[in-house]
N, C-alpha and C. Protein backbone atom coordinates (compact mmCIF):
# COMPACT_ATOMS: atom_id res chain seq x y z
N MET A 1 0.78 -1.15 -0.05
CA MET A 1 0.06 0.03 0.11
C MET A 1 0.79 1.34 -0.09
N ALA A 2 2.10 1.07 0.47
CA ALA A 2 2.92 2.17 0.68
C ALA A 2 3.38 2.79 -0.83
N GLY A 3 3.39 2.01 -1.67
CA GLY A 3 3.92 2.42 -3.07
C GLY A 3 2.64 2.86 -3.86
N LEU A 4 1.39 2.79 -3.42
CA LEU A 4 0.26 3.38 -4.12
C LEU A 4 0.03 4.81 -3.69
N SER A 5 0.01 5.68 -4.88
CA SER A 5 -0.61 6.83 -4.64
C SER A 5 -1.87 7.17 -4.37
N SER A 6 -2.43 8.18 -3.96
CA SER A 6 -3.81 8.32 -3.63
C SER A 6 -4.71 8.30 -4.79
N LYS A 7 -4.09 8.61 -6.00
CA LYS A 7 -4.96 8.50 -7.20
C LYS A 7 -5.06 7.16 -7.76
N SER A 8 -3.97 6.27 -7.50
CA SER A 8 -3.91 4.93 -7.98
C SER A 8 -4.99 4.30 -7.00
N PHE A 9 -4.97 4.46 -5.60
CA PHE A 9 -5.73 3.84 -4.67
C PHE A 9 -7.05 4.21 -4.86
N ALA A 10 -7.59 5.43 -5.41
CA ALA A 10 -8.73 5.74 -5.53
C ALA A 10 -9.32 4.95 -6.96
N LEU A 11 -8.43 4.83 -7.86
CA LEU A 11 -8.82 4.17 -9.20
C LEU A 11 -9.03 2.76 -8.71
N LEU A 12 -8.26 1.99 -7.93
CA LEU A 12 -8.34 0.80 -7.59
C LEU A 12 -9.61 0.55 -6.84
N LEU A 13 -9.97 1.44 -5.79
CA LEU A 13 -11.16 1.42 -5.00
C LEU A 13 -12.41 1.41 -6.01
N ALA A 14 -12.46 2.44 -6.87
CA ALA A 14 -13.56 2.60 -7.85
C ALA A 14 -13.70 1.25 -8.84
N MET A 15 -12.61 0.72 -9.24
CA MET A 15 -12.71 -0.41 -10.08
C MET A 15 -13.20 -1.50 -9.39
N SER A 16 -12.98 -1.81 -8.03
CA SER A 16 -13.20 -2.85 -7.26
C SER A 16 -14.84 -2.60 -7.01
N PHE A 17 -15.19 -1.43 -6.74
CA PHE A 17 -16.78 -1.11 -6.62
C PHE A 17 -17.39 -1.50 -7.75
N TYR A 18 -16.96 -0.86 -8.83
CA TYR A 18 -17.58 -1.19 -10.12
C TYR A 18 -17.65 -2.62 -10.48
N ILE A 19 -16.71 -3.62 -10.45
CA ILE A 19 -16.64 -4.99 -10.43
C ILE A 19 -17.69 -5.64 -9.63
N ASN A 20 -17.59 -5.15 -8.26
CA ASN A 20 -18.62 -5.77 -7.39
C ASN A 20 -20.09 -5.42 -7.75
N SER A 21 -20.24 -4.18 -8.13
CA SER A 21 -21.80 -3.75 -8.33
C SER A 21 -22.15 -4.55 -9.68
N SER A 22 -21.35 -4.64 -10.62
CA SER A 22 -21.60 -5.28 -11.83
C SER A 22 -21.86 -6.79 -11.66
N PHE A 23 -21.16 -7.37 -10.76
CA PHE A 23 -21.41 -8.84 -10.40
C PHE A 23 -22.64 -8.95 -9.76
N SER A 24 -22.87 -7.92 -8.81
CA SER A 24 -24.19 -8.08 -7.98
C SER A 24 -25.48 -8.04 -9.01
N ALA A 25 -25.14 -6.98 -9.86
CA ALA A 25 -26.42 -6.65 -10.76
C ALA A 25 -26.65 -7.88 -11.72
N ARG A 26 -25.48 -8.75 -12.10
CA ARG A 26 -25.77 -9.65 -12.92
C ARG A 26 -26.36 -11.05 -12.12
N ILE A 27 -26.03 -11.14 -10.79
CA ILE A 27 -26.79 -12.09 -9.97
C ILE A 27 -28.15 -11.89 -9.80
N THR A 28 -28.38 -10.63 -9.59
CA THR A 28 -29.79 -10.23 -9.39
C THR A 28 -30.71 -10.48 -10.65
N ARG A 29 -30.01 -10.20 -11.94
CA ARG A 29 -30.64 -10.35 -13.10
C ARG A 29 -30.84 -11.91 -13.30
N GLN A 30 -29.85 -12.77 -12.98
CA GLN A 30 -30.10 -14.14 -13.09
C GLN A 30 -31.25 -14.65 -12.21
N ARG A 31 -31.23 -14.25 -11.05
CA ARG A 31 -32.04 -14.54 -10.14
C ARG A 31 -33.73 -14.22 -10.45
N SER A 32 -33.54 -13.01 -11.23
CA SER A 32 -34.87 -12.77 -11.53
C SER A 32 -35.37 -13.54 -12.80
N THR A 33 -34.59 -13.67 -13.73
CA THR A 33 -34.85 -14.39 -15.05
C THR A 33 -35.24 -15.94 -14.75
N GLU A 34 -34.42 -16.45 -13.48
CA GLU A 34 -34.88 -17.86 -13.13
C GLU A 34 -36.22 -17.88 -12.45
N PHE A 35 -36.43 -16.78 -11.67
CA PHE A 35 -37.91 -16.70 -11.02
C PHE A 35 -38.83 -16.66 -12.01
N ILE A 36 -38.62 -15.88 -13.11
CA ILE A 36 -39.71 -15.82 -14.26
C ILE A 36 -39.67 -17.12 -14.93
N ARG A 37 -38.67 -17.67 -15.29
CA ARG A 37 -38.77 -19.16 -15.98
C ARG A 37 -39.57 -20.15 -15.11
N LYS A 38 -39.27 -20.16 -13.78
CA LYS A 38 -39.77 -21.25 -12.99
C LYS A 38 -41.30 -20.79 -12.85
N SER A 39 -41.75 -19.54 -12.58
CA SER A 39 -43.02 -19.19 -12.58
C SER A 39 -43.81 -19.47 -13.66
N CYS A 40 -43.24 -19.34 -14.85
CA CYS A 40 -43.84 -19.61 -16.27
C CYS A 40 -44.16 -21.01 -16.39
N THR A 41 -43.52 -21.95 -15.74
CA THR A 41 -43.92 -23.34 -15.80
C THR A 41 -45.23 -23.74 -15.16
N ALA A 42 -45.87 -22.78 -14.72
CA ALA A 42 -47.31 -23.04 -14.02
C ALA A 42 -48.20 -22.50 -15.28
N THR A 43 -47.96 -21.90 -16.26
CA THR A 43 -48.71 -21.48 -17.32
C THR A 43 -48.98 -22.52 -18.31
N ALA A 44 -49.96 -22.30 -19.35
CA ALA A 44 -50.44 -23.06 -20.32
C ALA A 44 -49.27 -23.07 -21.71
N TYR A 45 -48.71 -21.74 -21.67
CA TYR A 45 -47.76 -21.51 -22.59
C TYR A 45 -46.56 -20.80 -22.10
N PRO A 46 -45.67 -21.74 -21.52
CA PRO A 46 -44.43 -21.28 -20.71
C PRO A 46 -43.44 -20.58 -21.50
N LYS A 47 -43.20 -21.10 -22.76
CA LYS A 47 -42.20 -20.33 -23.56
C LYS A 47 -42.60 -18.80 -24.01
N LEU A 48 -43.96 -18.69 -24.34
CA LEU A 48 -44.44 -17.28 -24.67
C LEU A 48 -44.42 -16.65 -23.33
N CYS A 49 -44.78 -17.18 -22.11
CA CYS A 49 -44.53 -16.56 -20.95
C CYS A 49 -43.32 -15.91 -20.78
N TYR A 50 -42.33 -16.83 -20.89
CA TYR A 50 -40.75 -16.40 -20.44
C TYR A 50 -40.38 -15.39 -21.52
N THR A 51 -40.71 -15.52 -22.74
CA THR A 51 -40.12 -14.66 -23.57
C THR A 51 -40.68 -13.25 -23.74
N SER A 52 -42.19 -13.18 -23.16
CA SER A 52 -42.72 -11.94 -23.23
C SER A 52 -42.47 -11.27 -21.83
N LEU A 53 -42.05 -12.03 -20.84
CA LEU A 53 -41.79 -11.22 -19.59
C LEU A 53 -40.22 -11.21 -19.03
N SER A 54 -39.45 -11.97 -19.54
CA SER A 54 -38.11 -11.90 -19.18
C SER A 54 -37.20 -10.63 -19.64
N ILE A 55 -37.95 -10.05 -20.52
CA ILE A 55 -37.17 -8.61 -20.87
C ILE A 55 -37.51 -7.62 -19.96
N HIS A 56 -38.51 -8.02 -18.92
CA HIS A 56 -38.92 -7.16 -17.80
C HIS A 56 -38.28 -7.44 -16.40
N SER A 57 -37.23 -8.28 -16.58
CA SER A 57 -36.75 -8.87 -15.33
C SER A 57 -36.38 -7.90 -14.20
N SER A 58 -35.79 -6.81 -14.67
CA SER A 58 -35.40 -5.86 -13.75
C SER A 58 -36.39 -5.26 -12.96
N LYS A 59 -37.55 -4.95 -13.70
CA LYS A 59 -38.85 -4.66 -12.94
C LYS A 59 -39.34 -5.56 -12.01
N ILE A 60 -39.57 -6.67 -12.56
CA ILE A 60 -40.13 -7.76 -11.72
C ILE A 60 -39.47 -8.31 -10.58
N GLN A 61 -38.07 -8.58 -10.65
CA GLN A 61 -37.30 -9.05 -9.71
C GLN A 61 -37.58 -10.33 -9.51
N THR A 62 -38.19 -10.61 -8.15
CA THR A 62 -38.55 -11.94 -7.64
C THR A 62 -40.09 -11.76 -7.05
N SER A 63 -40.81 -10.79 -7.42
CA SER A 63 -42.09 -10.62 -6.91
C SER A 63 -43.17 -11.08 -7.69
N PRO A 64 -44.07 -12.04 -7.07
CA PRO A 64 -45.14 -12.57 -7.81
C PRO A 64 -46.28 -11.40 -8.23
N LYS A 65 -46.30 -10.64 -7.31
CA LYS A 65 -47.24 -9.42 -7.87
C LYS A 65 -46.92 -8.65 -9.04
N LEU A 66 -45.55 -8.28 -9.14
CA LEU A 66 -45.15 -7.44 -10.19
C LEU A 66 -45.04 -8.59 -11.42
N LEU A 67 -44.84 -9.68 -11.23
CA LEU A 67 -44.87 -10.81 -12.50
C LEU A 67 -46.26 -10.64 -13.06
N ALA A 68 -47.31 -10.81 -12.05
CA ALA A 68 -48.70 -10.95 -12.53
C ALA A 68 -49.27 -9.60 -13.15
N SER A 69 -48.70 -8.44 -12.49
CA SER A 69 -49.01 -7.04 -13.18
C SER A 69 -48.39 -6.88 -14.44
N THR A 70 -47.10 -7.27 -14.72
CA THR A 70 -46.41 -7.09 -15.69
C THR A 70 -47.06 -8.03 -16.96
N ALA A 71 -47.45 -9.20 -16.55
CA ALA A 71 -48.00 -10.13 -17.57
C ALA A 71 -49.31 -9.51 -18.10
N LEU A 72 -49.98 -8.76 -17.21
CA LEU A 72 -51.41 -7.95 -17.50
C LEU A 72 -50.97 -6.86 -18.52
N ASN A 73 -49.96 -6.17 -18.14
CA ASN A 73 -49.51 -5.02 -19.14
C ASN A 73 -49.11 -5.45 -20.49
N VAL A 74 -48.33 -6.53 -20.61
CA VAL A 74 -47.74 -7.01 -21.77
C VAL A 74 -49.09 -7.51 -22.74
N THR A 75 -49.96 -8.17 -22.11
CA THR A 75 -51.24 -8.56 -22.62
C THR A 75 -52.09 -7.41 -23.19
N LEU A 76 -52.25 -6.35 -22.26
CA LEU A 76 -53.07 -5.29 -22.67
C LEU A 76 -52.20 -4.51 -23.89
N SER A 77 -50.92 -4.49 -23.98
CA SER A 77 -50.24 -3.84 -24.97
C SER A 77 -50.45 -4.53 -26.19
N SER A 78 -50.50 -5.93 -26.15
CA SER A 78 -50.67 -6.63 -27.25
C SER A 78 -51.97 -6.53 -27.95
N ALA A 79 -52.78 -6.51 -26.87
CA ALA A 79 -54.26 -6.37 -27.21
C ALA A 79 -54.62 -5.05 -27.96
N LYS A 80 -54.06 -3.92 -27.36
CA LYS A 80 -54.18 -2.75 -28.00
C LYS A 80 -53.75 -2.71 -29.51
N SER A 81 -52.55 -3.26 -29.82
CA SER A 81 -51.97 -3.31 -31.14
C SER A 81 -52.79 -4.13 -31.88
N THR A 82 -53.35 -5.41 -31.54
CA THR A 82 -54.10 -5.89 -32.53
C THR A 82 -55.55 -5.24 -32.64
N SER A 83 -56.04 -4.57 -31.74
CA SER A 83 -57.32 -3.77 -31.65
C SER A 83 -57.03 -2.75 -33.00
N THR A 84 -55.89 -2.16 -32.98
CA THR A 84 -55.77 -0.99 -33.88
C THR A 84 -55.52 -1.62 -35.19
N MET A 85 -54.89 -2.72 -35.15
CA MET A 85 -54.77 -3.46 -36.50
C MET A 85 -56.13 -3.93 -37.15
N MET A 86 -56.88 -4.43 -36.12
CA MET A 86 -58.18 -4.91 -36.55
C MET A 86 -59.20 -3.72 -37.00
N SER A 87 -59.04 -2.66 -36.36
CA SER A 87 -59.87 -1.32 -36.84
C SER A 87 -59.56 -0.97 -38.18
N THR A 88 -58.24 -0.95 -38.58
CA THR A 88 -57.55 -0.69 -39.82
C THR A 88 -58.13 -1.57 -40.75
N LEU A 89 -58.07 -2.85 -40.56
CA LEU A 89 -58.45 -3.80 -41.53
C LEU A 89 -59.83 -3.91 -41.94
N SER A 90 -60.66 -3.55 -40.78
CA SER A 90 -62.15 -3.40 -41.01
C SER A 90 -62.59 -2.34 -41.83
N GLN A 91 -61.64 -1.30 -42.22
CA GLN A 91 -61.96 -0.21 -42.99
C GLN A 91 -61.57 -0.56 -44.44
N GLY A 92 -60.86 -1.84 -44.59
CA GLY A 92 -60.39 -2.22 -45.88
C GLY A 92 -61.42 -2.30 -46.97
N HIS A 93 -61.22 -1.94 -48.22
CA HIS A 93 -62.12 -2.35 -49.28
C HIS A 93 -62.07 -3.63 -49.79
N GLY A 94 -62.96 -4.09 -50.37
CA GLY A 94 -62.86 -5.56 -50.90
C GLY A 94 -63.36 -6.66 -50.00
N LEU A 95 -63.62 -6.08 -48.77
CA LEU A 95 -64.10 -7.31 -47.82
C LEU A 95 -65.48 -7.66 -48.22
N LYS A 96 -65.79 -9.01 -47.86
CA LYS A 96 -67.06 -9.39 -48.10
C LYS A 96 -68.01 -8.95 -46.77
N PRO A 97 -69.22 -8.68 -47.13
CA PRO A 97 -70.09 -8.42 -45.95
C PRO A 97 -69.82 -9.24 -44.67
N LYS A 98 -69.71 -10.63 -44.84
CA LYS A 98 -69.54 -11.38 -43.53
C LYS A 98 -68.24 -11.18 -43.03
N GLU A 99 -67.23 -10.83 -43.75
CA GLU A 99 -65.81 -10.41 -43.31
C GLU A 99 -66.01 -8.90 -42.53
N VAL A 100 -66.72 -8.06 -43.10
CA VAL A 100 -66.72 -6.75 -42.48
C VAL A 100 -67.62 -7.11 -41.07
N SER A 101 -68.58 -7.81 -41.12
CA SER A 101 -69.47 -7.93 -39.89
C SER A 101 -68.57 -8.78 -38.68
N ALA A 102 -67.74 -9.57 -39.11
CA ALA A 102 -66.95 -10.38 -38.13
C ALA A 102 -65.88 -9.46 -37.74
N MET A 103 -65.43 -8.69 -38.44
CA MET A 103 -64.35 -7.79 -38.09
C MET A 103 -64.82 -6.82 -37.17
N SER A 104 -66.01 -6.20 -37.47
CA SER A 104 -66.54 -5.16 -36.49
C SER A 104 -67.06 -5.80 -35.15
N ASP A 105 -67.56 -7.12 -35.17
CA ASP A 105 -67.82 -7.81 -33.84
C ASP A 105 -66.54 -8.02 -33.20
N CYS A 106 -65.51 -8.35 -33.86
CA CYS A 106 -64.11 -8.58 -33.19
C CYS A 106 -63.70 -7.53 -32.61
N VAL A 107 -63.73 -6.22 -33.20
CA VAL A 107 -63.32 -4.91 -32.74
C VAL A 107 -63.92 -4.58 -31.31
N GLU A 108 -65.34 -4.99 -31.23
CA GLU A 108 -66.16 -4.72 -30.26
C GLU A 108 -65.85 -5.61 -29.10
N GLU A 109 -65.57 -6.83 -29.25
CA GLU A 109 -65.01 -7.99 -28.34
C GLU A 109 -63.73 -7.63 -27.81
N LEU A 110 -62.75 -7.09 -28.73
CA LEU A 110 -61.66 -6.62 -28.23
C LEU A 110 -61.64 -5.34 -27.24
N SER A 111 -62.37 -4.35 -27.79
CA SER A 111 -62.66 -3.32 -26.93
C SER A 111 -63.11 -3.66 -25.35
N ASP A 112 -64.07 -4.53 -25.39
CA ASP A 112 -64.38 -5.02 -23.87
C ASP A 112 -63.41 -5.71 -23.31
N ALA A 113 -62.63 -6.67 -23.86
CA ALA A 113 -61.38 -7.06 -23.40
C ALA A 113 -60.46 -6.21 -22.94
N LEU A 114 -60.08 -5.23 -23.55
CA LEU A 114 -59.35 -4.14 -23.21
C LEU A 114 -59.63 -3.25 -21.99
N ASP A 115 -60.97 -2.99 -21.89
CA ASP A 115 -61.50 -2.61 -20.61
C ASP A 115 -61.33 -3.39 -19.41
N GLU A 116 -61.67 -4.67 -19.64
CA GLU A 116 -61.50 -5.61 -18.56
C GLU A 116 -59.84 -5.85 -18.26
N LEU A 117 -59.07 -5.77 -19.07
CA LEU A 117 -57.69 -5.79 -18.67
C LEU A 117 -57.05 -4.48 -18.03
N ARG A 118 -57.59 -3.43 -18.58
CA ARG A 118 -57.35 -2.20 -17.85
C ARG A 118 -57.86 -2.23 -16.32
N LYS A 119 -59.22 -2.66 -16.30
CA LYS A 119 -59.84 -2.72 -14.80
C LYS A 119 -58.89 -3.55 -13.84
N SER A 120 -58.27 -4.65 -14.36
CA SER A 120 -57.52 -5.61 -13.78
C SER A 120 -56.24 -4.95 -13.40
N ILE A 121 -55.54 -4.20 -14.21
CA ILE A 121 -54.43 -3.57 -14.06
C ILE A 121 -54.40 -2.57 -12.93
N ASP A 122 -55.63 -1.73 -13.06
CA ASP A 122 -55.92 -0.72 -11.91
C ASP A 122 -56.06 -1.39 -10.60
N GLU A 123 -56.93 -2.53 -10.61
CA GLU A 123 -57.19 -3.09 -9.32
C GLU A 123 -55.89 -3.60 -8.75
N MET A 124 -54.95 -4.32 -9.58
CA MET A 124 -53.67 -4.87 -8.97
C MET A 124 -52.98 -3.80 -8.45
N SER A 125 -52.96 -2.62 -9.13
CA SER A 125 -52.12 -1.47 -8.78
C SER A 125 -52.61 -0.76 -7.63
N ASN A 126 -53.87 -0.67 -7.27
CA ASN A 126 -54.49 0.22 -6.48
C ASN A 126 -55.36 -0.67 -5.50
N GLY A 127 -55.38 -1.84 -5.55
CA GLY A 127 -56.26 -2.54 -4.46
C GLY A 127 -55.68 -2.74 -3.21
N LYS A 128 -56.51 -2.60 -2.25
CA LYS A 128 -55.98 -2.54 -0.77
C LYS A 128 -55.74 -4.02 -0.34
N GLU A 129 -54.45 -4.05 0.15
CA GLU A 129 -54.23 -5.45 0.78
C GLU A 129 -55.07 -6.14 1.90
N SER A 130 -55.78 -5.09 2.65
CA SER A 130 -56.74 -5.40 3.58
C SER A 130 -58.01 -6.28 2.75
N ASN A 131 -58.22 -5.94 1.49
CA ASN A 131 -59.32 -6.41 0.78
C ASN A 131 -58.84 -7.48 -0.38
N PHE A 132 -57.84 -8.12 0.23
CA PHE A 132 -56.95 -8.87 -1.13
C PHE A 132 -57.97 -9.84 -1.58
N GLY A 133 -58.73 -10.67 -0.86
CA GLY A 133 -59.53 -11.69 -1.63
C GLY A 133 -60.54 -10.94 -2.42
N LEU A 134 -61.26 -10.04 -2.21
CA LEU A 134 -62.06 -9.34 -3.13
C LEU A 134 -61.33 -8.81 -4.26
N MET A 135 -60.08 -8.16 -4.06
CA MET A 135 -59.31 -7.53 -5.16
C MET A 135 -58.93 -8.62 -6.14
N ILE A 136 -58.54 -9.82 -5.62
CA ILE A 136 -57.95 -10.83 -6.66
C ILE A 136 -58.97 -11.49 -7.15
N ASN A 137 -60.38 -11.73 -6.61
CA ASN A 137 -61.43 -12.16 -7.29
C ASN A 137 -61.86 -11.36 -8.49
N ASP A 138 -61.91 -10.14 -8.28
CA ASP A 138 -62.09 -9.13 -9.24
C ASP A 138 -61.40 -9.27 -10.40
N VAL A 139 -60.27 -9.23 -10.11
CA VAL A 139 -59.01 -9.33 -11.30
C VAL A 139 -59.23 -10.76 -12.01
N GLN A 140 -59.37 -11.82 -11.30
CA GLN A 140 -59.63 -13.07 -11.96
C GLN A 140 -60.83 -13.08 -12.83
N THR A 141 -61.95 -12.56 -12.37
CA THR A 141 -63.13 -12.40 -13.20
C THR A 141 -62.98 -11.45 -14.31
N TRP A 142 -62.33 -10.31 -14.29
CA TRP A 142 -62.20 -9.60 -15.46
C TRP A 142 -61.28 -10.18 -16.46
N VAL A 143 -60.16 -10.91 -16.06
CA VAL A 143 -59.33 -11.58 -16.92
C VAL A 143 -59.98 -12.70 -17.58
N SER A 144 -60.72 -13.32 -16.69
CA SER A 144 -61.32 -14.50 -17.49
C SER A 144 -62.67 -13.98 -18.55
N ALA A 145 -63.15 -13.06 -18.28
CA ALA A 145 -64.08 -12.23 -19.12
C ALA A 145 -63.37 -11.85 -20.50
N ALA A 146 -62.08 -11.33 -20.22
CA ALA A 146 -61.27 -10.92 -21.47
C ALA A 146 -60.99 -12.09 -22.40
N MET A 147 -60.74 -13.15 -21.80
CA MET A 147 -60.34 -14.62 -22.45
C MET A 147 -61.62 -14.85 -23.29
N THR A 148 -62.76 -14.75 -22.48
CA THR A 148 -64.16 -15.05 -23.32
C THR A 148 -64.28 -14.16 -24.49
N ASP A 149 -64.15 -12.86 -24.31
CA ASP A 149 -64.04 -11.89 -25.52
C ASP A 149 -63.20 -12.20 -26.62
N GLU A 150 -61.87 -12.57 -26.28
CA GLU A 150 -60.99 -12.95 -27.19
C GLU A 150 -61.48 -14.21 -27.91
N SER A 151 -62.00 -15.19 -27.35
CA SER A 151 -62.41 -16.58 -27.74
C SER A 151 -63.56 -16.24 -28.88
N THR A 152 -64.54 -15.19 -28.38
CA THR A 152 -65.74 -15.09 -29.28
C THR A 152 -65.25 -14.21 -30.44
N CYS A 153 -64.28 -13.35 -30.36
CA CYS A 153 -63.73 -12.65 -31.60
C CYS A 153 -63.08 -13.84 -32.51
N SER A 154 -62.31 -14.77 -31.93
CA SER A 154 -61.91 -15.84 -32.93
C SER A 154 -62.96 -16.70 -33.51
N ASP A 155 -64.05 -16.88 -32.88
CA ASP A 155 -65.06 -17.78 -33.30
C ASP A 155 -65.50 -17.30 -34.50
N GLY A 156 -65.62 -15.87 -34.61
CA GLY A 156 -66.31 -15.30 -35.84
C GLY A 156 -65.59 -15.54 -37.06
N PHE A 157 -64.37 -15.90 -36.99
CA PHE A 157 -63.64 -16.15 -38.26
C PHE A 157 -63.34 -17.73 -38.46
N ALA A 158 -64.21 -18.55 -37.86
CA ALA A 158 -64.38 -19.90 -38.15
C ALA A 158 -65.10 -20.19 -39.55
N GLY A 159 -64.95 -21.37 -40.26
CA GLY A 159 -65.54 -21.54 -41.26
C GLY A 159 -64.88 -21.39 -42.54
N ASN A 160 -65.25 -21.67 -43.70
CA ASN A 160 -64.83 -21.46 -45.05
C ASN A 160 -65.00 -20.40 -45.83
N ALA A 161 -66.11 -19.51 -45.23
CA ALA A 161 -66.55 -18.38 -45.93
C ALA A 161 -65.67 -17.13 -45.88
N MET A 162 -64.44 -17.12 -45.09
CA MET A 162 -63.56 -16.09 -44.70
C MET A 162 -62.60 -16.22 -45.87
N ASN A 163 -62.11 -14.97 -46.11
CA ASN A 163 -60.72 -14.89 -46.86
C ASN A 163 -59.52 -15.37 -46.16
N GLY A 164 -58.71 -16.27 -46.68
CA GLY A 164 -57.85 -17.06 -46.25
C GLY A 164 -56.82 -16.31 -45.37
N ASN A 165 -56.17 -15.25 -46.14
CA ASN A 165 -55.33 -14.39 -45.56
C ASN A 165 -55.79 -13.70 -44.37
N LEU A 166 -56.79 -12.82 -44.57
CA LEU A 166 -57.58 -12.30 -43.47
C LEU A 166 -57.55 -12.99 -42.36
N LYS A 167 -58.33 -14.13 -42.42
CA LYS A 167 -58.66 -15.32 -41.38
C LYS A 167 -57.38 -15.61 -40.58
N THR A 168 -56.28 -15.90 -41.45
CA THR A 168 -55.11 -16.25 -40.84
C THR A 168 -54.32 -15.21 -39.94
N THR A 169 -54.50 -14.08 -40.45
CA THR A 169 -53.82 -12.94 -39.75
C THR A 169 -54.57 -12.69 -38.50
N VAL A 170 -55.89 -12.57 -38.58
CA VAL A 170 -56.75 -12.24 -37.32
C VAL A 170 -56.43 -13.26 -36.38
N ARG A 171 -56.90 -14.62 -36.93
CA ARG A 171 -56.68 -15.62 -35.96
C ARG A 171 -55.51 -15.75 -35.23
N GLY A 172 -54.35 -15.34 -35.89
CA GLY A 172 -52.99 -15.53 -35.45
C GLY A 172 -52.69 -14.64 -34.24
N ARG A 173 -53.18 -13.36 -34.52
CA ARG A 173 -53.03 -12.36 -33.64
C ARG A 173 -54.03 -12.41 -32.42
N ILE A 174 -55.15 -12.91 -32.51
CA ILE A 174 -56.16 -13.18 -31.39
C ILE A 174 -55.64 -14.44 -30.57
N VAL A 175 -55.16 -15.40 -31.21
CA VAL A 175 -54.62 -16.54 -30.55
C VAL A 175 -53.40 -16.13 -29.56
N ASN A 176 -52.62 -15.35 -30.14
CA ASN A 176 -51.47 -14.85 -29.35
C ASN A 176 -51.95 -14.12 -28.00
N ILE A 177 -53.00 -13.17 -28.19
CA ILE A 177 -53.50 -12.38 -27.17
C ILE A 177 -54.26 -13.34 -26.09
N ALA A 178 -54.83 -14.44 -26.70
CA ALA A 178 -55.59 -15.27 -25.80
C ALA A 178 -54.63 -16.25 -24.98
N GLN A 179 -53.46 -16.19 -25.38
CA GLN A 179 -52.37 -17.09 -24.83
C GLN A 179 -51.63 -16.25 -23.67
N LEU A 180 -51.46 -15.10 -24.09
CA LEU A 180 -50.88 -14.05 -23.14
C LEU A 180 -51.73 -13.83 -22.18
N THR A 181 -53.10 -13.79 -22.27
CA THR A 181 -54.19 -13.73 -21.24
C THR A 181 -54.22 -14.83 -20.39
N SER A 182 -54.21 -16.05 -20.96
CA SER A 182 -54.12 -17.28 -20.26
C SER A 182 -53.03 -17.39 -19.23
N ASN A 183 -51.79 -16.89 -19.95
CA ASN A 183 -50.68 -17.06 -19.09
C ASN A 183 -50.95 -15.94 -17.80
N ALA A 184 -51.33 -14.67 -18.07
CA ALA A 184 -51.48 -13.71 -16.84
C ALA A 184 -52.34 -14.20 -15.87
N LEU A 185 -53.57 -15.06 -16.33
CA LEU A 185 -54.42 -15.44 -15.40
C LEU A 185 -53.82 -16.49 -14.59
N ALA A 186 -52.89 -17.39 -15.12
CA ALA A 186 -52.28 -18.37 -14.22
C ALA A 186 -51.28 -17.76 -13.38
N LEU A 187 -50.61 -16.68 -13.81
CA LEU A 187 -49.70 -16.06 -12.91
C LEU A 187 -50.44 -15.23 -11.67
N ILE A 188 -51.73 -14.78 -11.93
CA ILE A 188 -52.63 -14.05 -11.08
C ILE A 188 -52.99 -15.25 -9.97
N ASN A 189 -53.39 -16.45 -10.42
CA ASN A 189 -53.84 -17.31 -9.71
C ASN A 189 -52.58 -17.91 -8.71
N ASN A 190 -51.62 -17.97 -9.30
CA ASN A 190 -50.30 -18.24 -8.36
C ASN A 190 -49.94 -17.15 -7.49
N TYR A 191 -50.08 -16.20 -7.78
CA TYR A 191 -49.90 -14.90 -6.73
C TYR A 191 -51.00 -14.96 -5.80
N ALA A 192 -52.37 -15.40 -6.00
CA ALA A 192 -53.31 -15.64 -4.91
C ALA A 192 -52.74 -16.64 -4.25
N LEU A 193 -52.42 -17.73 -4.68
CA LEU A 193 -52.14 -18.77 -3.68
C LEU A 193 -50.86 -18.49 -2.88
N LEU A 194 -49.98 -17.66 -3.36
CA LEU A 194 -48.85 -17.40 -2.62
C LEU A 194 -49.09 -16.54 -1.49
N HIS A 195 -50.10 -15.52 -1.82
CA HIS A 195 -50.56 -14.42 -0.81
C HIS A 195 -51.17 -15.25 0.29
N GLY A 196 -51.95 -16.11 -0.03
CA GLY A 196 -52.66 -16.95 0.82
C GLY A 196 -53.70 -16.44 1.68
């Protein structure tokens, strides 16, 4: 130590702090992503669950509540995007009357699903811990209703009377939202069990 100048010592100290904090951040990130991976095994679509949520690991950390809330937000974002796409497609010219009707119905169903997802997110954020049972029951009910709305939308594109490309595009997006919603509900249910 006698040969180290104060500048060298300060530099050495700063480097060791940086290495230590970098190592600590990496461990925390690994712990968070492992928590997400493990939690996602309880869902029907674990790969989609992990890929959609692991990018939010620094926010989620190891919190079941934040995991469920983030899953709801990811689902809402995807549903909004699909709703916008559906609104645009429904204005397209050259659609058959049955396609226009199915698109219109689907946009309405998605609007309902968006409302239910928003209510769920608000309740998860603002719900009182003293009323946890009521809060979680409301959230589960709304998310289940959103799943029903998504399914109803998809049902409108069943059969052979629809344009193949339109049908494939719409059903693909709706299936993705339905899977995200299913995963969110599973994570909400898991949070409810852990909360006890």
